[in-house]
């Protein structure tokens, strides 16, 4: 498979970097002007292990974040500050836990995640169902929030 290059698609306000052999978040979406414009980020199929701890303040307009099939072990707590986020896909990572701040994502409609030992007993795939996401958060974080 040929290595793809990350690309900004201005008409969709989408940053497409799936299967680009990335080991970290590309600098161009961490800086102006893209960081305030981007509404969708697809980083699927890379080798990303870490996310900036200030993720919640990086992309104020972000609606969709696709991180499936990377090497992430943690999602920063500040993810809960992505107030406009509607879809989060973290399936096929090596997550050890989920941050309780996910409960603050009140616009989240779609959530996909692989089983996490001691956290999720099975894969979760909730599409366009904020009520089911709220139920999941209640199950996972009732004691923690």
C-alpha atoms as a PDB file:
ATOM      1  CA  UNK A   1       0.000   0.000   0.000  1.00  0.00           C
ATOM      2  CA  UNK A   2       1.379   3.407  -0.955  1.00  0.00           C
ATOM      3  CA  UNK A   3       1.914   5.934   1.827  1.00  0.00           C
ATOM      4  CA  UNK A   4      -0.632   8.695   1.574  1.00  0.00           C
ATOM      5  CA  UNK A   5       0.050  12.335   2.383  1.00  0.00           C
ATOM      6  CA  UNK A   6      -2.050  14.395   4.789  1.00  0.00           C
ATOM      7  CA  UNK A   7      -4.266  16.907   3.077  1.00  0.00           C
ATOM      8  CA  UNK A   8      -6.520  19.788   3.975  1.00  0.00           C
ATOM      9  CA  UNK A   9      -9.856  19.824   2.171  1.00  0.00           C
ATOM     10  CA  UNK A  10     -11.034  23.434   2.637  1.00  0.00           C
ATOM     11  CA  UNK A  11     -14.529  23.041   1.194  1.00  0.00           C
ATOM     12  CA  UNK A  12     -15.293  20.353   3.822  1.00  0.00           C
ATOM     13  CA  UNK A  13     -13.104  21.901   6.532  1.00  0.00           C
ATOM     14  CA  UNK A  14     -11.641  18.421   6.821  1.00  0.00           C
ATOM     15  CA  UNK A  15      -8.093  17.311   7.548  1.00  0.00           C
ATOM     16  CA  UNK A  16      -7.555  13.910   5.995  1.00  0.00           C
ATOM     17  CA  UNK A  17      -4.487  12.014   7.192  1.00  0.00           C
ATOM     18  CA  UNK A  18      -5.570   8.387   7.256  1.00  0.00           C
ATOM     19  CA  UNK A  19      -2.907   5.772   6.561  1.00  0.00           C
ATOM     20  CA  UNK A  20      -0.103   8.330   6.342  1.00  0.00           C
ATOM     21  CA  UNK A  21       2.341   6.475   8.634  1.00  0.00           C
ATOM     22  CA  UNK A  22       2.185   9.318  11.148  1.00  0.00           C
ATOM     23  CA  UNK A  23       3.618   8.852  14.621  1.00  0.00           C
ATOM     24  CA  UNK A  24       2.359  12.197  15.903  1.00  0.00           C
ATOM     25  CA  UNK A  25      -0.266  14.823  15.165  1.00  0.00           C
ATOM     26  CA  UNK A  26       0.819  16.909  12.158  1.00  0.00           C
ATOM     27  CA  UNK A  27       2.000  20.389  13.147  1.00  0.00           C
ATOM     28  CA  UNK A  28      -0.125  22.085  10.506  1.00  0.00           C
ATOM     29  CA  UNK A  29      -3.378  21.267  12.332  1.00  0.00           C
ATOM     30  CA  UNK A  30      -1.933  22.415  15.634  1.00  0.00           C
ATOM     31  CA  UNK A  31      -1.265  25.924  14.270  1.00  0.00           C
ATOM     32  CA  UNK A  32      -3.227  28.761  12.746  1.00  0.00           C
ATOM     33  CA  UNK A  33      -5.128  29.019  10.524  1.00  0.00           C
ATOM     34  CA  UNK A  34      -6.216  25.369  10.364  1.00  0.00           C
ATOM     35  CA  UNK A  35      -6.679  24.743  14.064  1.00  0.00           C
ATOM     36  CA  UNK A  36      -9.562  27.244  14.227  1.00  0.00           C
ATOM     37  CA  UNK A  37     -11.098  26.131  10.932  1.00  0.00           C
ATOM     38  CA  UNK A  38     -11.006  22.338  11.056  1.00  0.00           C
ATOM     39  CA  UNK A  39     -14.324  20.583  11.697  1.00  0.00           C
ATOM     40  CA  UNK A  40     -13.299  17.025  10.901  1.00  0.00           C
ATOM     41  CA  UNK A  41      -9.991  15.264  11.513  1.00  0.00           C
ATOM     42  CA  UNK A  42      -9.310  11.757  10.235  1.00  0.00           C
ATOM     43  CA  UNK A  43      -6.089  10.267  11.587  1.00  0.00           C
ATOM     44  CA  UNK A  44      -7.104   6.616  11.191  1.00  0.00           C
ATOM     45  CA  UNK A  45      -4.585   3.893  10.465  1.00  0.00           C
ATOM     46  CA  UNK A  46      -1.465   5.625  11.722  1.00  0.00           C
ATOM     47  CA  UNK A  47       1.019   4.989  14.538  1.00  0.00           C
ATOM     48  CA  UNK A  48      -0.014   7.824  16.850  1.00  0.00           C
ATOM     49  CA  UNK A  49       0.628   7.079  20.530  1.00  0.00           C
ATOM     50  CA  UNK A  50       0.101  10.427  22.207  1.00  0.00           C
ATOM     51  CA  UNK A  51      -2.260  13.328  21.856  1.00  0.00           C
ATOM     52  CA  UNK A  52      -1.543  16.875  23.045  1.00  0.00           C
ATOM     53  CA  UNK A  53      -2.833  17.327  26.610  1.00  0.00           C
ATOM     54  CA  UNK A  54      -4.578  20.548  25.523  1.00  0.00           C
ATOM     55  CA  UNK A  55      -6.681  18.842  22.825  1.00  0.00           C
ATOM     56  CA  UNK A  56      -9.806  20.527  24.192  1.00  0.00           C
ATOM     57  CA  UNK A  57      -8.583  24.001  23.330  1.00  0.00           C
ATOM     58  CA  UNK A  58      -6.864  23.169  20.046  1.00  0.00           C
ATOM     59  CA  UNK A  59      -9.857  22.732  17.754  1.00  0.00           C
ATOM     60  CA  UNK A  60     -12.840  24.819  18.910  1.00  0.00           C
ATOM     61  CA  UNK A  61     -14.918  23.998  15.808  1.00  0.00           C
ATOM     62  CA  UNK A  62     -14.185  20.260  15.698  1.00  0.00           C
ATOM     63  CA  UNK A  63     -17.242  18.048  15.049  1.00  0.00           C
ATOM     64  CA  UNK A  64     -15.664  14.696  14.066  1.00  0.00           C
ATOM     65  CA  UNK A  65     -12.482  13.066  15.373  1.00  0.00           C
ATOM     66  CA  UNK A  66     -11.454   9.716  13.881  1.00  0.00           C
ATOM     67  CA  UNK A  67      -8.531   8.024  15.612  1.00  0.00           C
ATOM     68  CA  UNK A  68      -9.213   4.336  14.970  1.00  0.00           C
ATOM     69  CA  UNK A  69      -6.320   1.960  14.465  1.00  0.00           C
ATOM     70  CA  UNK A  70      -3.512   3.899  16.127  1.00  0.00           C
ATOM     71  CA  UNK A  71      -1.408   3.116  19.202  1.00  0.00           C
ATOM     72  CA  UNK A  72      -3.030   5.398  21.734  1.00  0.00           C
ATOM     73  CA  UNK A  73      -3.168   4.271  25.364  1.00  0.00           C
ATOM     74  CA  UNK A  74      -4.807   7.409  26.785  1.00  0.00           C
ATOM     75  CA  UNK A  75      -7.180  10.136  25.691  1.00  0.00           C
ATOM     76  CA  UNK A  76      -6.408  13.453  27.421  1.00  0.00           C
ATOM     77  CA  UNK A  77      -8.951  14.712  29.974  1.00  0.00           C
ATOM     78  CA  UNK A  78      -9.267  17.946  28.017  1.00  0.00           C
ATOM     79  CA  UNK A  79     -11.164  16.059  25.274  1.00  0.00           C
ATOM     80  CA  UNK A  80     -14.251  17.008  27.276  1.00  0.00           C
ATOM     81  CA  UNK A  81     -13.679  20.631  26.255  1.00  0.00           C
ATOM     82  CA  UNK A  82     -14.387  19.871  22.570  1.00  0.00           C
ATOM     83  CA  UNK A  83     -17.886  21.293  23.021  1.00  0.00           C
ATOM     84  CA  UNK A  84     -18.980  20.854  19.404  1.00  0.00           C
ATOM     85  CA  UNK A  85     -17.738  17.275  18.986  1.00  0.00           C
ATOM     86  CA  UNK A  86     -20.461  15.033  17.534  1.00  0.00           C
ATOM     87  CA  UNK A  87     -18.504  11.879  16.630  1.00  0.00           C
ATOM     88  CA  UNK A  88     -15.512  10.198  18.242  1.00  0.00           C
ATOM     89  CA  UNK A  89     -13.976   6.980  16.939  1.00  0.00           C
ATOM     90  CA  UNK A  90     -11.152   5.489  19.002  1.00  0.00           C
ATOM     91  CA  UNK A  91     -11.601   1.850  18.007  1.00  0.00           C
ATOM     92  CA  UNK A  92      -8.542  -0.411  17.540  1.00  0.00           C
ATOM     93  CA  UNK A  93      -6.207   1.419  19.880  1.00  0.00           C
ATOM     94  CA  UNK A  94      -4.551   0.160  23.046  1.00  0.00           C
ATOM     95  CA  UNK A  95      -6.597   2.304  25.406  1.00  0.00           C
ATOM     96  CA  UNK A  96      -6.234   1.562  29.096  1.00  0.00           C
ATOM     97  CA  UNK A  97      -9.068   3.816  30.231  1.00  0.00           C
ATOM     98  CA  UNK A  98     -11.524   6.464  29.116  1.00  0.00           C
ATOM     99  CA  UNK A  99     -11.483   9.946  30.648  1.00  0.00           C
ATOM    100  CA  UNK A 100     -14.492  10.932  32.756  1.00  0.00           C
ATOM    101  CA  UNK A 101     -14.480  14.250  30.886  1.00  0.00           C
ATOM    102  CA  UNK A 102     -16.240  12.466  28.015  1.00  0.00           C
ATOM    103  CA  UNK A 103     -19.432  13.131  29.976  1.00  0.00           C
ATOM    104  CA  UNK A 104     -19.049  16.830  29.102  1.00  0.00           C
ATOM    105  CA  UNK A 105     -19.393  16.122  25.361  1.00  0.00           C
ATOM    106  CA  UNK A 106     -23.078  17.003  25.285  1.00  0.00           C
ATOM    107  CA  UNK A 107     -23.252  17.143  21.466  1.00  0.00           C
ATOM    108  CA  UNK A 108     -21.726  13.677  20.994  1.00  0.00           C
ATOM    109  CA  UNK A 109     -24.014  11.464  18.896  1.00  0.00           C
ATOM    110  CA  UNK A 110     -21.605   8.779  17.697  1.00  0.00           C
ATOM    111  CA  UNK A 111     -19.019   6.909  19.753  1.00  0.00           C
ATOM    112  CA  UNK A 112     -16.952   3.888  18.692  1.00  0.00           C
ATOM    113  CA  UNK A 113     -14.418   2.131  20.912  1.00  0.00           C
ATOM    114  CA  UNK A 114     -12.866  -1.310  21.242  1.00  0.00           C
ATOM    115  CA  UNK A 115     -13.093  -3.366  24.389  1.00  0.00           C
ATOM    116  CA  UNK A 116     -10.940  -2.038  27.230  1.00  0.00           C
ATOM    117  CA  UNK A 117     -10.009  -4.511  29.925  1.00  0.00           C
ATOM    118  CA  UNK A 118     -11.676  -3.551  33.191  1.00  0.00           C
ATOM    119  CA  UNK A 119     -13.575  -0.688  31.526  1.00  0.00           C
ATOM    120  CA  UNK A 120     -15.578  -1.920  28.514  1.00  0.00           C
ATOM    121  CA  UNK A 121     -16.424  -5.610  28.405  1.00  0.00           C
ATOM    122  CA  UNK A 122     -17.084  -5.493  24.656  1.00  0.00           C
ATOM    123  CA  UNK A 123     -16.644  -3.267  21.622  1.00  0.00           C
ATOM    124  CA  UNK A 124     -18.974  -0.267  21.557  1.00  0.00           C
ATOM    125  CA  UNK A 125     -20.448   1.203  18.399  1.00  0.00           C
ATOM    126  CA  UNK A 126     -23.139   3.800  19.003  1.00  0.00           C
ATOM    127  CA  UNK A 127     -24.227   5.748  15.937  1.00  0.00           C
ATOM    128  CA  UNK A 128     -26.486   8.802  15.986  1.00  0.00           C
ATOM    129  CA  UNK A 129     -27.836   7.980  19.434  1.00  0.00           C
ATOM    130  CA  UNK A 130     -26.914  10.496  22.148  1.00  0.00           C
ATOM    131  CA  UNK A 131     -29.280   8.776  24.605  1.00  0.00           C
ATOM    132  CA  UNK A 132     -27.301   5.525  24.374  1.00  0.00           C
ATOM    133  CA  UNK A 133     -24.064   7.436  24.824  1.00  0.00           C
ATOM    134  CA  UNK A 134     -25.455   9.059  28.002  1.00  0.00           C
ATOM    135  CA  UNK A 135     -26.416   5.598  29.295  1.00  0.00           C
ATOM    136  CA  UNK A 136     -22.890   4.346  28.601  1.00  0.00           C
ATOM    137  CA  UNK A 137     -21.365   7.334  30.422  1.00  0.00           C
ATOM    138  CA  UNK A 138     -23.688   6.723  33.382  1.00  0.00           C
ATOM    139  CA  UNK A 139     -22.544   3.102  33.548  1.00  0.00           C
ATOM    140  CA  UNK A 140     -18.860   3.954  33.253  1.00  0.00           C
ATOM    141  CA  UNK A 141     -18.568   7.150  35.255  1.00  0.00           C
ATOM    142  CA  UNK A 142     -21.340   7.208  37.886  1.00  0.00           C
ATOM    143  CA  UNK A 143     -18.836   6.672  40.697  1.00  0.00           C
ATOM    144  CA  UNK A 144     -16.221   8.968  39.172  1.00  0.00           C
ATOM    145  CA  UNK A 145     -18.119  12.180  38.416  1.00  0.00           C
END
